[in-house]
Amino acid sequence: KELLPTPLRSHYTFNLRDLSKVFQGVLMVKPKHLPDSDSFVRLWCHESSRVFRDRLINEDDRQWFNGAILEQLHGALKLTSR
């Protein structure tokens, strides 16, 4: 399943501006507030959720997003859940 735009979900069009908002949010945090890699990962998850998940209109789509984030954490980043 992908989050493609439909007539009910016309705002599901994501672009590089949205991705840049994630980076802006991450870069606004001072390094002293990120003492370890876990803090950075939590910040990345928070900013990604703030930019993308908050725009989703139903619980199924939000659950899909949660799964996609976990897949990236476990697959690409090789992190485990706590």
C-alpha atoms as a PDB file:
ATOM      1  CA  LYS A   1       0.000   0.000   0.000  1.00  0.00           C
ATOM      2  CA  GLU A   2       1.157   3.487  -0.778  1.00  0.00           C
ATOM      3  CA  LEU A   3      -0.282   6.831   0.193  1.00  0.00           C
ATOM      4  CA  LEU A   4      -1.294   7.978  -3.250  1.00  0.00           C
ATOM      5  CA  PRO A   5      -3.523  11.032  -3.662  1.00  0.00           C
ATOM      6  CA  THR A   6      -7.206  10.334  -4.282  1.00  0.00           C
ATOM      7  CA  PRO A   7     -10.201  12.681  -4.418  1.00  0.00           C
ATOM      8  CA  LEU A   8     -10.612  12.186  -0.650  1.00  0.00           C
ATOM      9  CA  ARG A   9      -6.891  12.499  -0.051  1.00  0.00           C
ATOM     10  CA  SER A  10      -5.822  15.189  -2.475  1.00  0.00           C
ATOM     11  CA  HIS A  11      -3.434  16.600   0.144  1.00  0.00           C
ATOM     12  CA  TYR A  12      -1.451  13.328   0.108  1.00  0.00           C
ATOM     13  CA  THR A  13       0.955  14.876  -2.386  1.00  0.00           C
ATOM     14  CA  PHE A  14       4.359  14.975  -0.727  1.00  0.00           C
ATOM     15  CA  ASN A  15       7.421  16.645  -2.218  1.00  0.00           C
ATOM     16  CA  LEU A  16      10.962  17.751  -1.448  1.00  0.00           C
ATOM     17  CA  ARG A  17       9.670  20.767   0.474  1.00  0.00           C
ATOM     18  CA  ASP A  18       8.110  18.357   2.978  1.00  0.00           C
ATOM     19  CA  LEU A  19      11.375  16.469   3.283  1.00  0.00           C
ATOM     20  CA  SER A  20      13.237  19.733   3.820  1.00  0.00           C
ATOM     21  CA  LYS A  21      10.904  20.493   6.750  1.00  0.00           C
ATOM     22  CA  VAL A  22      12.120  17.304   8.424  1.00  0.00           C
ATOM     23  CA  PHE A  23      15.733  18.403   7.971  1.00  0.00           C
ATOM     24  CA  GLN A  24      14.944  21.926   9.185  1.00  0.00           C
ATOM     25  CA  GLY A  25      13.396  20.534  12.343  1.00  0.00           C
ATOM     26  CA  VAL A  26      16.386  18.289  12.978  1.00  0.00           C
ATOM     27  CA  LEU A  27      18.878  21.090  12.332  1.00  0.00           C
ATOM     28  CA  MET A  28      17.118  23.463  14.739  1.00  0.00           C
ATOM     29  CA  VAL A  29      18.121  21.288  17.713  1.00  0.00           C
ATOM     30  CA  LYS A  30      21.401  22.177  19.369  1.00  0.00           C
ATOM     31  CA  PRO A  31      23.919  19.300  19.556  1.00  0.00           C
ATOM     32  CA  LYS A  32      24.011  19.480  23.355  1.00  0.00           C
ATOM     33  CA  HIS A  33      20.387  18.275  23.371  1.00  0.00           C
ATOM     34  CA  LEU A  34      21.310  15.136  21.402  1.00  0.00           C
ATOM     35  CA  PRO A  35      23.752  13.303  23.662  1.00  0.00           C
ATOM     36  CA  ASP A  36      23.544   9.980  21.818  1.00  0.00           C
ATOM     37  CA  SER A  37      22.332   8.338  18.630  1.00  0.00           C
ATOM     38  CA  ASP A  38      19.066   7.233  20.275  1.00  0.00           C
ATOM     39  CA  SER A  39      18.161  10.872  20.882  1.00  0.00           C
ATOM     40  CA  PHE A  40      18.824  11.667  17.241  1.00  0.00           C
ATOM     41  CA  VAL A  41      16.666   8.752  16.060  1.00  0.00           C
ATOM     42  CA  ARG A  42      13.809   9.875  18.331  1.00  0.00           C
ATOM     43  CA  LEU A  43      14.132  13.398  16.918  1.00  0.00           C
ATOM     44  CA  TRP A  44      14.076  12.079  13.347  1.00  0.00           C
ATOM     45  CA  CYS A  45      10.952   9.999  14.091  1.00  0.00           C
ATOM     46  CA  HIS A  46       9.283  12.984  15.734  1.00  0.00           C
ATOM     47  CA  GLU A  47      10.023  15.365  12.860  1.00  0.00           C
ATOM     48  CA  SER A  48       8.974  12.802  10.250  1.00  0.00           C
ATOM     49  CA  SER A  49       5.718  12.257  12.110  1.00  0.00           C
ATOM     50  CA  ARG A  50       5.166  15.985  12.503  1.00  0.00           C
ATOM     51  CA  VAL A  51       5.592  16.624   8.785  1.00  0.00           C
ATOM     52  CA  PHE A  52       4.033  13.521   7.250  1.00  0.00           C
ATOM     53  CA  ARG A  53       1.908  11.583   9.768  1.00  0.00           C
ATOM     54  CA  ASP A  54       0.024  14.649  10.980  1.00  0.00           C
ATOM     55  CA  ARG A  55      -1.410  15.105   7.471  1.00  0.00           C
ATOM     56  CA  LEU A  56      -2.929  11.614   7.315  1.00  0.00           C
ATOM     57  CA  ILE A  57      -6.698  11.497   7.660  1.00  0.00           C
ATOM     58  CA  ASN A  58      -7.483   8.048   9.047  1.00  0.00           C
ATOM     59  CA  GLU A  59      -6.088   5.487  11.454  1.00  0.00           C
ATOM     60  CA  ASP A  60      -5.257   2.952   8.717  1.00  0.00           C
ATOM     61  CA  ASP A  61      -2.979   5.458   7.001  1.00  0.00           C
ATOM     62  CA  ARG A  62      -1.374   6.445  10.316  1.00  0.00           C
ATOM     63  CA  GLN A  63      -0.738   2.769  11.125  1.00  0.00           C
ATOM     64  CA  TRP A  64       0.802   2.333   7.670  1.00  0.00           C
ATOM     65  CA  PHE A  65       3.112   5.274   8.381  1.00  0.00           C
ATOM     66  CA  ASN A  66       4.091   3.839  11.775  1.00  0.00           C
ATOM     67  CA  GLY A  67       4.972   0.556  10.073  1.00  0.00           C
ATOM     68  CA  ALA A  68       7.000   2.340   7.402  1.00  0.00           C
ATOM     69  CA  ILE A  69       9.006   4.197  10.071  1.00  0.00           C
ATOM     70  CA  LEU A  70       9.649   0.945  11.962  1.00  0.00           C
ATOM     71  CA  GLU A  71      10.675  -0.770   8.726  1.00  0.00           C
ATOM     72  CA  GLN A  72      13.263   1.960   8.103  1.00  0.00           C
ATOM     73  CA  LEU A  73      14.533   1.781  11.673  1.00  0.00           C
ATOM     74  CA  HIS A  74      14.921  -1.992  11.569  1.00  0.00           C
ATOM     75  CA  GLY A  75      15.937  -2.417   7.942  1.00  0.00           C
ATOM     76  CA  ALA A  76      17.989   0.523   6.708  1.00  0.00           C
ATOM     77  CA  LEU A  77      19.261   1.743  10.079  1.00  0.00           C
ATOM     78  CA  LYS A  78      19.618  -1.721  11.706  1.00  0.00           C
ATOM     79  CA  LEU A  79      18.067  -0.521  14.974  1.00  0.00           C
ATOM     80  CA  THR A  80      15.942  -2.598  17.318  1.00  0.00           C
ATOM     81  CA  SER A  81      12.839  -1.575  19.241  1.00  0.00           C
ATOM     82  CA  ARG A  82      12.960  -1.066  22.949  1.00  0.00           C
END
